[in-house]
Protein backbone atom coordinates (compact mmCIF):
# COMPACT_ATOMS: atom_id res chain seq x y z
CA MET A 1 22.47 41.44 53.65
CA SER A 2 19.24 42.91 54.65
CA SER A 3 16.22 40.80 55.33
CA ILE A 4 12.79 41.47 53.92
CA THR A 5 10.02 41.44 56.39
CA LEU A 6 6.65 40.25 55.10
CA SER A 7 3.42 40.40 56.91
CA SER A 8 1.55 37.13 57.34
CA ALA A 9 -1.13 38.18 54.82
CA THR A 10 1.49 39.04 52.20
CA ARG A 11 3.32 35.79 52.85
CA GLN A 12 0.07 33.86 52.46
CA ASN A 13 -0.67 35.65 49.15
CA LEU A 14 2.84 34.88 47.86
CA LEU A 15 2.50 31.17 48.69
CA SER A 16 -0.93 31.09 46.99
CA LEU A 17 0.56 32.67 43.87
CA GLN A 18 3.39 30.11 43.83
CA ASP A 19 0.87 27.24 44.19
CA THR A 20 -1.26 28.71 41.40
CA ALA A 21 1.81 29.01 39.12
CA GLN A 22 2.72 25.37 39.83
CA LEU A 23 -0.86 24.19 39.11
CA MET A 24 -0.89 26.20 35.87
CA ALA A 25 2.39 24.59 34.79
CA THR A 26 0.96 21.12 35.53
CA THR A 27 -2.24 21.91 33.60
CA GLN A 28 -0.29 23.24 30.62
CA ASN A 29 1.86 20.09 30.61
CA ARG A 30 -1.28 17.92 30.66
CA LEU A 31 -2.82 19.91 27.81
CA ALA A 32 0.38 19.71 25.76
CA THR A 33 0.86 15.95 26.19
CA GLY A 34 -2.77 14.86 26.43
CA LYS A 35 -1.94 12.83 29.54
CA THR A 36 -3.33 13.26 33.02
CA VAL A 37 -0.24 11.69 34.60
CA ASN A 38 3.09 12.44 32.91
CA SER A 39 5.56 10.92 35.34
CA ALA A 40 5.67 8.48 38.20
CA LEU A 41 6.06 11.43 40.57
CA ASP A 42 2.57 12.75 39.70
CA ASN A 43 0.71 9.55 40.59
CA PRO A 44 2.69 6.27 40.54
CA THR A 45 -0.33 3.95 40.37
CA ASN A 46 -1.97 5.77 37.49
CA PHE A 47 1.36 6.25 35.68
CA PHE A 48 2.25 2.55 35.64
CA THR A 49 -1.33 1.58 34.78
CA SER A 50 -1.12 4.00 31.86
CA GLN A 51 2.20 2.49 30.72
CA ALA A 52 0.72 -1.03 30.80
CA LEU A 53 -2.36 0.10 28.85
CA ASP A 54 -0.16 1.85 26.26
CA GLY A 55 1.75 -1.40 25.71
CA ARG A 56 -1.46 -3.37 25.38
CA SER A 57 -2.84 -0.77 22.95
CA SER A 58 0.26 -1.12 20.77
CA SER A 59 -0.14 -4.91 20.74
CA LEU A 60 -3.80 -4.61 19.78
CA ASN A 61 -2.96 -2.15 16.99
CA THR A 62 -0.40 -4.62 15.62
CA LEU A 63 -3.01 -7.39 15.69
CA LEU A 64 -5.55 -5.11 14.01
CA ASP A 65 -3.08 -4.36 11.20
CA GLY A 66 -2.48 -8.08 10.70
CA ILE A 67 -6.21 -8.81 10.63
CA SER A 68 -6.76 -5.97 8.15
CA ASN A 69 -4.06 -7.38 5.86
CA GLY A 70 -5.63 -10.83 6.13
CA VAL A 71 -9.07 -9.48 5.22
CA GLN A 72 -7.63 -7.69 2.19
CA SER A 73 -5.89 -10.91 1.09
CA ILE A 74 -9.14 -12.84 1.42
CA GLN A 75 -11.02 -10.18 -0.57
CA ALA A 76 -8.42 -10.32 -3.36
CA ALA A 77 -8.61 -14.13 -3.41
CA ASN A 78 -12.41 -13.95 -3.53
CA GLN A 79 -12.26 -11.60 -6.51
CA GLY A 80 -9.82 -13.95 -8.25
CA ILE A 81 -12.03 -16.97 -7.60
CA THR A 82 -15.09 -15.06 -8.83
CA SER A 83 -13.27 -14.13 -12.03
CA ILE A 84 -12.15 -17.72 -12.58
CA GLN A 85 -15.70 -18.91 -11.94
CA LYS A 86 -17.02 -16.50 -14.59
CA LEU A 87 -14.41 -17.76 -17.06
CA VAL A 88 -15.40 -21.37 -16.35
CA ASP A 89 -19.08 -20.46 -16.85
CA GLN A 90 -18.23 -18.81 -20.18
CA ALA A 91 -16.22 -21.86 -21.24
CA LYS A 92 -19.13 -24.15 -20.29
CA SER A 93 -21.52 -21.96 -22.26
CA ILE A 94 -19.27 -22.03 -25.33
CA ALA A 95 -18.83 -25.81 -25.01
CA ASN A 96 -22.58 -26.36 -24.66
CA GLN A 97 -23.18 -24.09 -27.63
CA ALA A 98 -20.68 -26.05 -29.69
CA LEU A 99 -22.26 -29.34 -28.62
CA SER A 100 -25.73 -28.12 -29.54
CA THR A 101 -24.63 -27.05 -33.03
CA GLN A 102 -25.99 -29.67 -35.39
CA LEU A 103 -23.87 -30.14 -38.46
CA SER A 104 -25.41 -32.40 -41.02
CA THR A 105 -23.44 -32.94 -44.17
CA THR A 106 -24.91 -34.87 -47.03
CA GLY A 107 -23.36 -35.14 -50.43
CA THR A 108 -24.90 -35.98 -53.74
CA ALA A 109 -22.94 -36.41 -56.91
CA ALA A 110 -24.37 -35.74 -60.28
CA ASN A 111 -22.72 -36.19 -63.62
CA THR A 112 -23.78 -33.76 -66.29
CA ALA A 113 -24.09 -34.69 -69.92
CA SER A 114 -20.68 -33.30 -70.74
CA THR A 115 -17.79 -35.58 -69.87
CA THR A 116 -15.41 -32.63 -69.40
CA SER A 117 -17.33 -31.13 -66.48
CA THR A 118 -18.45 -33.14 -63.47
CA THR A 119 -20.36 -31.32 -60.73
CA VAL A 120 -20.68 -32.49 -57.13
CA LEU A 121 -23.41 -30.87 -54.99
CA PHE A 122 -23.09 -30.71 -51.22
CA THR A 123 -25.88 -29.64 -48.88
CA ILE A 124 -24.62 -28.37 -45.53
CA ASN A 125 -27.32 -27.40 -43.04
CA GLY A 126 -29.59 -26.43 -45.88
CA THR A 127 -26.91 -24.52 -47.82
CA SER A 128 -25.95 -25.96 -51.20
CA VAL A 129 -22.34 -25.91 -52.35
CA SER A 130 -21.33 -27.09 -55.77
CA ALA A 131 -17.86 -28.15 -56.79
CA THR A 132 -16.66 -29.01 -60.23
CA THR A 133 -13.73 -31.08 -61.29
CA SER A 134 -12.28 -27.98 -62.91
CA SER A 135 -12.23 -25.99 -59.61
CA SER A 136 -9.18 -26.31 -57.33
CA LEU A 137 -9.35 -28.27 -54.10
CA SER A 138 -8.42 -25.16 -52.08
CA ALA A 139 -11.35 -23.25 -53.60
CA THR A 140 -13.69 -26.16 -52.84
CA VAL A 141 -12.48 -26.33 -49.19
CA ALA A 142 -12.96 -22.57 -48.84
CA ALA A 143 -16.49 -22.79 -50.29
CA LEU A 144 -17.39 -25.67 -47.96
CA ASN A 145 -16.04 -23.87 -44.86
CA THR A 146 -17.88 -20.69 -45.86
CA ALA A 147 -21.11 -22.65 -46.15
CA VAL A 148 -20.52 -24.28 -42.75
CA SER A 149 -19.72 -20.93 -41.10
CA SER A 150 -22.76 -19.17 -42.53
CA ALA A 151 -25.05 -22.07 -41.68
CA SER A 152 -23.80 -22.37 -38.11
CA THR A 153 -23.71 -18.69 -37.14
CA THR A 154 -25.38 -18.33 -33.77
CA SER A 155 -27.83 -15.66 -32.65
CA ASN A 156 -25.06 -13.52 -31.15
CA GLY A 157 -23.01 -13.58 -34.37
CA SER A 158 -20.30 -16.00 -33.26
CA PHE A 159 -19.40 -19.09 -35.23
CA GLY A 160 -20.29 -22.39 -33.70
CA ALA A 161 -18.34 -24.66 -36.02
CA GLY A 162 -15.36 -22.92 -37.65
CA ALA A 163 -13.18 -24.56 -40.31
CA ILE A 164 -14.53 -28.09 -40.59
CA PHE A 165 -13.02 -29.07 -43.93
CA SER A 166 -9.34 -29.11 -44.90
CA LEU A 167 -6.95 -30.86 -47.24
CA ASP A 168 -5.12 -33.98 -46.17
CA SER A 169 -1.35 -34.04 -45.75
CA THR A 170 -0.82 -34.86 -49.43
CA GLY A 171 -3.13 -32.04 -50.56
CA THR A 172 -5.15 -34.34 -52.80
CA LYS A 173 -8.19 -35.14 -50.64
CA ILE A 174 -10.76 -33.10 -48.74
CA VAL A 175 -11.07 -34.30 -45.14
CA LEU A 176 -13.52 -33.54 -42.36
CA ASN A 177 -11.70 -32.20 -39.27
């Protein structure tokens, strides 16, 4: 085998090119991985510090995820409580409205000259309802409840009282609910 003889200047240039190629490979590896130190051979102190910080970062990310889930749970609970609070406020408003509804029922009976027809007049919140002995009890109850509903309609159109009158269990008497 024949040996190649290099001058000292050529040898120096070849070594510089090899060093440059090695530095380029290291730089490309750093750019590809995003890490300054990729192995313990590059810089042991920085490599193990980096490993410890990566572990700590993972732990902190896990904690952050848990905190985020907790915050979302609290926000959902807050929305639920707010909705329940609104429902309670609505129920209180409806109850106060029902309590403030004044229902005054007075009855006067009058007997007309004819003995076959007896008329009873009821005044419910200023609305007069007449019932005769010839009308059915169901029709009388319906007329009374209609008078109560129309007299107790609130400003927003809802009924404050509802069906106040009904028939008893035997169906022979009108009762106040």
